[in-house]
Each structure stands twice: as C-alpha cells, then as structure tokens.
N, C-alpha and C. Protein backbone atom coordinates (compact mmCIF):
# COMPACT_ATOMS: atom_id res chain seq x y z
N MET A 1 0.83 -1.17 0.00
CA MET A 1 0.00 0.00 0.00
C MET A 1 0.88 1.24 0.00
N ILE A 2 0.33 2.26 -0.59
CA ILE A 2 1.06 3.52 -0.70
C ILE A 2 0.38 4.55 0.18
N ARG A 3 1.19 5.27 0.94
CA ARG A 3 0.63 6.27 1.86
C ARG A 3 0.27 7.53 1.09
N ASN A 4 -0.96 7.98 1.26
CA ASN A 4 -1.43 9.21 0.65
C ASN A 4 -1.21 10.32 1.66
N GLU A 5 -0.23 11.18 1.42
CA GLU A 5 0.14 12.23 2.38
C GLU A 5 -0.96 13.27 2.55
N ALA A 6 -1.74 13.52 1.52
CA ALA A 6 -2.76 14.57 1.61
C ALA A 6 -3.84 14.20 2.61
N ARG A 7 -4.24 12.92 2.62
CA ARG A 7 -5.30 12.49 3.52
C ARG A 7 -4.76 11.83 4.78
N GLY A 8 -3.50 11.46 4.76
CA GLY A 8 -2.92 10.79 5.91
C GLY A 8 -3.36 9.34 6.02
N ALA A 9 -3.84 8.75 4.94
CA ALA A 9 -4.30 7.37 4.95
C ALA A 9 -3.60 6.61 3.83
N PHE A 10 -3.79 5.31 3.84
CA PHE A 10 -3.21 4.48 2.80
C PHE A 10 -4.20 4.31 1.66
N SER A 11 -3.72 4.48 0.44
CA SER A 11 -4.57 4.24 -0.73
C SER A 11 -4.20 2.88 -1.30
N PRO A 12 -5.17 2.10 -1.75
CA PRO A 12 -4.89 0.76 -2.22
C PRO A 12 -4.07 0.72 -3.51
N MET A 13 -4.25 1.70 -4.39
CA MET A 13 -3.51 1.73 -5.65
C MET A 13 -3.06 3.15 -5.96
N PRO A 14 -1.92 3.29 -6.58
CA PRO A 14 -1.51 4.64 -7.01
C PRO A 14 -2.32 5.05 -8.24
N ASN A 15 -2.35 6.34 -8.51
CA ASN A 15 -3.02 6.83 -9.70
C ASN A 15 -2.25 6.41 -10.94
N ILE A 16 -2.98 6.06 -11.99
CA ILE A 16 -2.35 5.69 -13.25
C ILE A 16 -2.57 6.84 -14.21
N GLY A 17 -1.48 7.43 -14.64
CA GLY A 17 -1.56 8.59 -15.52
C GLY A 17 -1.32 8.22 -16.98
N PRO A 18 -1.34 9.19 -17.84
CA PRO A 18 -1.16 8.93 -19.27
C PRO A 18 0.22 8.36 -19.61
N MET A 19 1.24 8.78 -18.88
CA MET A 19 2.59 8.26 -19.17
C MET A 19 2.68 6.77 -18.86
N GLU A 20 2.03 6.32 -17.81
CA GLU A 20 2.05 4.90 -17.47
C GLU A 20 1.30 4.08 -18.53
N ILE A 21 0.18 4.62 -19.00
CA ILE A 21 -0.59 3.92 -20.03
C ILE A 21 0.21 3.82 -21.31
N ILE A 22 0.89 4.90 -21.70
CA ILE A 22 1.73 4.89 -22.91
C ILE A 22 2.86 3.88 -22.75
N LEU A 23 3.44 3.81 -21.57
CA LEU A 23 4.53 2.87 -21.31
C LEU A 23 4.04 1.42 -21.45
N VAL A 24 2.88 1.13 -20.88
CA VAL A 24 2.33 -0.23 -20.97
C VAL A 24 2.02 -0.59 -22.43
N LEU A 25 1.44 0.34 -23.18
CA LEU A 25 1.13 0.09 -24.59
C LEU A 25 2.40 -0.11 -25.42
N ALA A 26 3.46 0.66 -25.13
CA ALA A 26 4.72 0.50 -25.85
C ALA A 26 5.34 -0.86 -25.56
N ILE A 27 5.30 -1.29 -24.31
CA ILE A 27 5.84 -2.62 -23.97
C ILE A 27 5.01 -3.71 -24.65
N ALA A 28 3.68 -3.56 -24.66
CA ALA A 28 2.83 -4.55 -25.33
C ALA A 28 3.14 -4.60 -26.82
N LEU A 29 3.39 -3.46 -27.44
CA LEU A 29 3.73 -3.43 -28.86
C LEU A 29 5.06 -4.13 -29.12
N LEU A 30 6.02 -3.93 -28.25
CA LEU A 30 7.32 -4.59 -28.42
C LEU A 30 7.22 -6.10 -28.21
N VAL A 31 6.42 -6.52 -27.24
CA VAL A 31 6.33 -7.95 -26.92
C VAL A 31 5.49 -8.69 -27.97
N LEU A 32 4.32 -8.13 -28.30
CA LEU A 32 3.40 -8.84 -29.20
C LEU A 32 3.65 -8.54 -30.67
N GLY A 33 4.10 -7.37 -30.98
CA GLY A 33 4.30 -6.98 -32.36
C GLY A 33 3.04 -6.36 -32.94
N PRO A 34 3.19 -5.65 -34.05
CA PRO A 34 2.04 -4.93 -34.61
C PRO A 34 0.96 -5.83 -35.18
N LYS A 35 1.29 -7.05 -35.55
CA LYS A 35 0.29 -7.94 -36.15
C LYS A 35 -0.59 -8.60 -35.11
N LYS A 36 -0.03 -8.95 -33.96
CA LYS A 36 -0.80 -9.66 -32.94
C LYS A 36 -1.42 -8.75 -31.89
N LEU A 37 -1.05 -7.48 -31.86
CA LEU A 37 -1.57 -6.56 -30.86
C LEU A 37 -3.08 -6.35 -30.98
N PRO A 38 -3.65 -6.14 -32.18
CA PRO A 38 -5.11 -6.00 -32.28
C PRO A 38 -5.86 -7.27 -31.85
N GLU A 39 -5.32 -8.42 -32.20
CA GLU A 39 -5.93 -9.70 -31.80
C GLU A 39 -5.92 -9.86 -30.29
N ALA A 40 -4.83 -9.48 -29.66
CA ALA A 40 -4.75 -9.56 -28.20
C ALA A 40 -5.73 -8.59 -27.54
N GLY A 41 -5.87 -7.41 -28.11
CA GLY A 41 -6.82 -6.44 -27.58
C GLY A 41 -8.26 -6.94 -27.68
N ARG A 42 -8.59 -7.56 -28.82
CA ARG A 42 -9.94 -8.11 -28.99
C ARG A 42 -10.21 -9.22 -28.00
N SER A 43 -9.23 -10.10 -27.80
CA SER A 43 -9.46 -11.22 -26.87
C SER A 43 -9.57 -10.72 -25.43
N ILE A 44 -8.80 -9.71 -25.06
CA ILE A 44 -8.92 -9.14 -23.73
C ILE A 44 -10.29 -8.47 -23.57
N GLY A 45 -10.74 -7.77 -24.59
CA GLY A 45 -12.05 -7.14 -24.55
C GLY A 45 -13.17 -8.15 -24.41
N ARG A 46 -13.08 -9.25 -25.17
CA ARG A 46 -14.10 -10.31 -25.06
C ARG A 46 -14.10 -10.92 -23.67
N GLY A 47 -12.92 -11.16 -23.14
CA GLY A 47 -12.83 -11.74 -21.80
C GLY A 47 -13.41 -10.82 -20.74
N MET A 48 -13.12 -9.52 -20.85
CA MET A 48 -13.68 -8.56 -19.90
C MET A 48 -15.20 -8.47 -20.03
N ARG A 49 -15.70 -8.52 -21.26
CA ARG A 49 -17.15 -8.47 -21.49
C ARG A 49 -17.84 -9.69 -20.90
N GLU A 50 -17.26 -10.88 -21.13
CA GLU A 50 -17.84 -12.10 -20.57
C GLU A 50 -17.81 -12.09 -19.05
N PHE A 51 -16.73 -11.60 -18.48
CA PHE A 51 -16.62 -11.51 -17.03
C PHE A 51 -17.67 -10.56 -16.47
N LYS A 52 -17.83 -9.41 -17.11
CA LYS A 52 -18.83 -8.43 -16.67
C LYS A 52 -20.24 -9.01 -16.77
N GLU A 53 -20.54 -9.70 -17.88
CA GLU A 53 -21.86 -10.30 -18.04
C GLU A 53 -22.11 -11.39 -17.01
N SER A 54 -21.08 -12.14 -16.65
CA SER A 54 -21.27 -13.18 -15.65
C SER A 54 -21.53 -12.59 -14.27
N LEU A 55 -20.95 -11.42 -13.99
CA LEU A 55 -21.18 -10.77 -12.71
C LEU A 55 -22.55 -10.12 -12.64
N THR A 56 -22.98 -9.51 -13.74
CA THR A 56 -24.25 -8.80 -13.73
C THR A 56 -25.42 -9.72 -13.98
N GLY A 57 -25.17 -10.95 -14.41
CA GLY A 57 -26.26 -11.88 -14.69
C GLY A 57 -27.06 -11.43 -15.89
N GLY A 58 -26.38 -11.19 -17.00
CA GLY A 58 -27.02 -10.71 -18.20
C GLY A 58 -28.13 -11.65 -18.67
N ASP A 59 -28.91 -11.18 -19.61
CA ASP A 59 -30.04 -11.94 -20.14
C ASP A 59 -29.58 -12.91 -21.23
N ASP A 60 -28.51 -13.63 -20.97
CA ASP A 60 -28.00 -14.57 -21.96
C ASP A 60 -28.76 -15.88 -21.95
N ASP A 61 -29.69 -16.08 -21.00
CA ASP A 61 -30.45 -17.32 -20.93
C ASP A 61 -31.34 -17.48 -22.15
N ARG A 62 -31.76 -16.38 -22.74
CA ARG A 62 -32.61 -16.46 -23.92
C ARG A 62 -31.88 -17.13 -25.07
N GLU A 63 -30.60 -16.92 -25.17
CA GLU A 63 -29.82 -17.49 -26.27
C GLU A 63 -29.68 -19.00 -26.14
N LEU A 64 -29.79 -19.53 -24.94
CA LEU A 64 -29.59 -20.95 -24.73
C LEU A 64 -30.86 -21.77 -25.00
N LEU A 65 -32.03 -21.10 -25.06
CA LEU A 65 -33.26 -21.82 -25.29
C LEU A 65 -33.34 -22.24 -26.75
N PRO A 66 -33.92 -23.44 -27.02
CA PRO A 66 -34.04 -23.87 -28.41
C PRO A 66 -35.02 -22.99 -29.17
N VAL A 67 -34.71 -22.74 -30.42
CA VAL A 67 -35.56 -21.91 -31.26
C VAL A 67 -36.50 -22.82 -32.02
N GLU A 68 -37.80 -22.54 -31.90
CA GLU A 68 -38.78 -23.34 -32.62
C GLU A 68 -38.81 -22.88 -34.07
N SER A 69 -39.03 -23.83 -34.96
CA SER A 69 -39.06 -23.48 -36.36
C SER A 69 -40.34 -22.70 -36.67
N ALA A 70 -40.26 -21.85 -37.64
CA ALA A 70 -41.38 -20.97 -37.99
C ALA A 70 -42.22 -21.58 -39.09
N LYS A 71 -42.63 -22.85 -38.94
CA LYS A 71 -43.48 -23.50 -39.93
C LYS A 71 -44.92 -23.06 -39.72
N PRO A 72 -45.62 -22.79 -40.82
CA PRO A 72 -47.03 -22.43 -40.66
C PRO A 72 -47.85 -23.64 -40.19
N ALA A 73 -48.86 -23.37 -39.43
CA ALA A 73 -49.73 -24.45 -38.93
C ALA A 73 -50.52 -25.04 -40.08
N ARG A 74 -50.70 -26.38 -40.08
CA ARG A 74 -51.48 -27.05 -41.13
C ARG A 74 -52.96 -26.87 -40.85
N PRO A 75 -53.72 -26.65 -41.89
CA PRO A 75 -55.16 -26.57 -41.67
C PRO A 75 -55.70 -27.95 -41.26
N THR A 76 -56.69 -27.98 -40.36
CA THR A 76 -57.23 -29.24 -39.85
C THR A 76 -58.31 -29.81 -40.75
N SER A 77 -58.81 -29.07 -41.73
CA SER A 77 -59.88 -29.60 -42.59
C SER A 77 -59.39 -30.34 -43.78
C-alpha cells in the first residue's frame, strides 16, 4: 500500500496517468508486435465483457433456449 500524504491514509492503488498507459502500450507493442496486438486487444475485450456479463447476470439465458421453427400451422380440414 502507498501512503497518501494529503489524507494521511493508505490508498490501495496509485493513480495511473497517461505516461504509465503509454509505457504499458509500448511494452505490449514490443512484446506482441504490430500484427498480434489487435488480436490480443480483442481477446482481452471479449474476456472482460464475458466476465462483466457473468457478474451482472445478463439476459444470456434467452440465447440458450431452443428456437422453434417458424413452420405455418397445417389446416385441420
């Protein structure tokens, strides 16, 4: 933990500024390369979305139900 001098208390995380974000993106670009960086971003985004939906209990149950075919009803006569 890092001590926050202004409040006299401990803050759980330091502030992340633009320079830190640029540094992380530059390291990711060097490690993954320009071709795999968009793919990695998409997969991280999908994972975060799935995690968020699992926490909020999204309405994904509708997708799991079987879809009935849209056949017209036969006349009984």
